[in-house]
Amino acid sequence: MRISSGAYMGVETLVRLAVQNADKPCSTKGLAEWINRSVSYTETLMAQLQRAGLVVSGQGPGGGYVLARPADRITVAEVFEAVDAPSDFASRPPNADTLEDEDIHDLHGTDLLWEALSSYVLLFLDGVSLADLVPDTANLVGDNANDNDLVYPVHMGSTLHH
């Protein structure tokens, strides 16, 4: 499974929003600086995330983006689905064990191995929420947070399914 730049940037951006207060939206410019991309790229990315129902935006002074629901209720897999081609995800089985005999027959050589790996990666990412990726620090709100202040301990125990 290949992780697209859009999926990577989508996760990075939503983690940024997860550290923000819900009542303090983050501007497109602030998000663009955070992910080190252009404002136009960030606008396109945010439009995809908004269409997927992951963020909401406010217009005018003080406007910007906030998460559409709590960070612990948004999974990394949802972000991937929002920014990558839907057909890439719609055609994937939730688990390689659910493939029909005719589908298995059509897979050649190592195709079944790679299909199974992709399925397990997506299954894993469906168990990781944005809250699991939020840095452990309370001083990161606002558009002026410093990248050097970030420490990202991953707390995947809260939503991971074992």
Protein backbone atom coordinates (compact mmCIF):
# COMPACT_ATOMS: atom_id res chain seq x y z
CA MET A 1 0.00 0.00 0.00
CA ARG A 2 1.33 3.34 -0.99
CA ILE A 3 0.57 6.34 1.22
CA SER A 4 -0.17 9.37 -0.91
CA SER A 5 1.14 12.81 -0.12
CA GLY A 6 -2.47 13.97 0.27
CA ALA A 7 -3.23 11.30 2.86
CA TYR A 8 -0.07 12.14 4.78
CA MET A 9 -0.82 15.89 4.67
CA GLY A 10 -4.47 15.29 5.58
CA VAL A 11 -3.48 13.44 8.74
CA GLU A 12 -0.86 16.08 9.62
CA THR A 13 -3.40 18.87 9.13
CA LEU A 14 -6.14 17.21 11.18
CA VAL A 15 -3.71 16.47 14.01
CA ARG A 16 -2.97 20.20 13.99
CA LEU A 17 -6.68 20.94 14.28
CA ALA A 18 -6.99 18.36 17.06
CA VAL A 19 -4.60 20.38 19.23
CA GLN A 20 -6.64 23.53 18.60
CA ASN A 21 -9.55 24.56 20.72
CA ALA A 22 -12.87 23.91 18.97
CA ASP A 23 -13.75 27.55 19.59
CA LYS A 24 -10.51 28.80 18.00
CA PRO A 25 -10.53 27.91 14.29
CA CYS A 26 -7.25 27.62 12.42
CA SER A 27 -6.85 29.64 9.23
CA THR A 28 -5.88 28.13 5.90
CA LYS A 29 -2.69 30.20 6.01
CA GLY A 30 -1.82 28.86 9.46
CA LEU A 31 -2.48 25.29 8.34
CA ALA A 32 -0.41 25.82 5.17
CA GLU A 33 2.51 27.02 7.26
CA TRP A 34 2.07 24.07 9.61
CA ILE A 35 2.30 21.46 6.84
CA ASN A 36 4.81 23.51 4.81
CA ARG A 37 2.62 23.67 1.71
CA SER A 38 1.09 26.49 -0.32
CA VAL A 39 -2.18 28.09 0.67
CA SER A 40 -3.80 26.89 -2.58
CA TYR A 41 -2.72 23.27 -1.91
CA THR A 42 -4.06 23.56 1.63
CA GLU A 43 -7.37 25.01 0.41
CA THR A 44 -7.81 22.04 -1.93
CA LEU A 45 -6.94 19.60 0.86
CA MET A 46 -9.35 21.27 3.28
CA ALA A 47 -12.14 21.20 0.68
CA GLN A 48 -11.68 17.41 0.39
CA LEU A 49 -11.73 17.02 4.16
CA GLN A 50 -14.80 19.24 4.43
CA ARG A 51 -16.68 17.26 1.74
CA ALA A 52 -15.92 14.11 3.73
CA GLY A 53 -17.44 15.68 6.85
CA LEU A 54 -14.18 15.73 8.81
CA VAL A 55 -13.88 19.51 9.20
CA VAL A 56 -16.17 22.50 9.24
CA SER A 57 -15.24 26.05 8.31
CA GLY A 58 -16.22 29.47 9.46
CA GLN A 59 -16.00 32.53 7.23
CA GLY A 60 -14.92 36.07 7.95
CA PRO A 61 -12.62 37.51 10.62
CA GLY A 62 -11.64 34.81 13.09
CA GLY A 63 -12.83 32.16 10.65
CA GLY A 64 -11.01 29.01 9.76
CA TYR A 65 -11.32 25.28 10.22
CA VAL A 66 -12.18 23.07 13.17
CA LEU A 67 -12.77 19.34 13.40
CA ALA A 68 -16.35 18.33 12.62
CA ARG A 69 -16.38 15.90 15.55
CA PRO A 70 -14.07 15.02 18.45
CA ALA A 71 -10.60 13.78 17.50
CA ASP A 72 -11.21 10.41 19.11
CA ARG A 73 -14.09 9.86 16.67
CA ILE A 74 -12.09 10.49 13.48
CA THR A 75 -9.86 7.67 12.28
CA VAL A 76 -6.76 7.85 10.11
CA ALA A 77 -8.50 5.53 7.63
CA GLU A 78 -11.28 8.12 7.22
CA VAL A 79 -8.68 10.74 6.34
CA PHE A 80 -7.12 8.41 3.74
CA GLU A 81 -10.55 7.77 2.24
CA ALA A 82 -11.28 11.51 2.13
CA VAL A 83 -8.21 12.47 0.11
CA ASP A 84 -7.48 9.37 -1.97
CA ALA A 85 -9.46 8.08 -4.90
CA PRO A 86 -12.64 6.47 -3.57
CA SER A 87 -12.27 3.54 -5.96
CA ASP A 88 -9.01 2.58 -4.25
CA PHE A 89 -10.91 2.02 -1.02
CA ALA A 90 -14.28 0.85 -2.26
CA SER A 91 -12.70 -2.10 -4.03
CA ARG A 92 -10.71 -3.27 -1.03
CA PRO A 93 -12.15 -5.99 1.17
CA PRO A 94 -12.19 -5.21 4.90
CA ASN A 95 -10.18 -8.40 5.42
CA ALA A 96 -8.47 -10.78 3.00
CA ASP A 97 -10.47 -13.66 4.50
CA THR A 98 -13.64 -12.16 3.00
CA LEU A 99 -12.49 -12.50 -0.62
CA GLU A 100 -14.74 -14.68 -2.76
CA ASP A 101 -13.25 -17.72 -4.51
CA GLU A 102 -13.61 -16.02 -7.91
CA ASP A 103 -11.69 -12.97 -6.62
CA ILE A 104 -8.92 -15.19 -5.27
CA HIS A 105 -8.77 -17.01 -8.61
CA ASP A 106 -8.24 -13.68 -10.43
CA LEU A 107 -5.28 -12.76 -8.23
CA HIS A 108 -1.94 -13.98 -9.55
CA GLY A 109 1.33 -14.74 -7.79
CA THR A 110 1.84 -12.40 -4.87
CA ASP A 111 -1.24 -10.27 -5.61
CA LEU A 112 -3.14 -11.95 -2.79
CA LEU A 113 -0.30 -11.18 -0.38
CA TRP A 114 -0.28 -7.48 -1.30
CA GLU A 115 -4.07 -7.25 -1.24
CA ALA A 116 -4.09 -8.82 2.23
CA LEU A 117 -1.38 -6.45 3.43
CA SER A 118 -3.29 -3.41 2.15
CA SER A 119 -6.44 -4.69 3.83
CA TYR A 120 -4.67 -5.14 7.15
CA VAL A 121 -3.06 -1.71 6.95
CA LEU A 122 -6.48 -0.12 6.38
CA LEU A 123 -7.95 -2.20 9.18
CA PHE A 124 -5.15 -1.02 11.47
CA LEU A 125 -5.62 2.63 10.46
CA ASP A 126 -9.34 2.31 11.13
CA GLY A 127 -8.37 1.64 14.75
CA VAL A 128 -6.16 4.73 15.10
CA SER A 129 -7.90 8.00 15.89
CA LEU A 130 -6.57 11.53 15.58
CA ALA A 131 -6.62 11.72 19.37
CA ASP A 132 -4.07 8.90 19.42
CA LEU A 133 -1.66 11.12 17.47
CA VAL A 134 -2.05 14.40 19.36
CA PRO A 135 1.16 15.62 20.99
CA ASP A 136 1.32 15.55 24.77
CA THR A 137 1.52 19.26 25.41
CA ALA A 138 -0.97 21.95 26.31
CA ASN A 139 0.76 24.99 24.81
CA LEU A 140 0.20 24.35 21.10
CA VAL A 141 -2.96 26.37 20.43
CA GLY A 142 -2.93 29.24 17.97
CA ASP A 143 -1.29 29.72 14.61
CA ASN A 144 2.12 30.41 16.13
CA ALA A 145 2.96 27.02 17.61
CA ASN A 146 6.57 26.08 17.04
CA ASP A 147 7.38 22.78 15.30
CA ASN A 148 10.36 22.39 17.61
CA ASP A 149 8.03 22.22 20.63
CA LEU A 150 6.24 19.13 19.37
CA VAL A 151 6.62 15.74 20.96
CA TYR A 152 4.46 13.01 19.46
CA PRO A 153 4.04 10.08 21.79
CA VAL A 154 1.54 7.80 20.11
CA HIS A 155 -1.25 6.62 22.42
CA MET A 156 -2.77 3.96 20.24
CA GLY A 157 -4.10 1.92 23.11
CA SER A 158 -7.25 3.98 23.39
CA THR A 159 -8.78 3.01 20.05
CA LEU A 160 -6.72 0.12 18.77
CA HIS A 161 -8.59 -3.14 18.43
CA HIS A 162 -6.52 -6.13 19.50
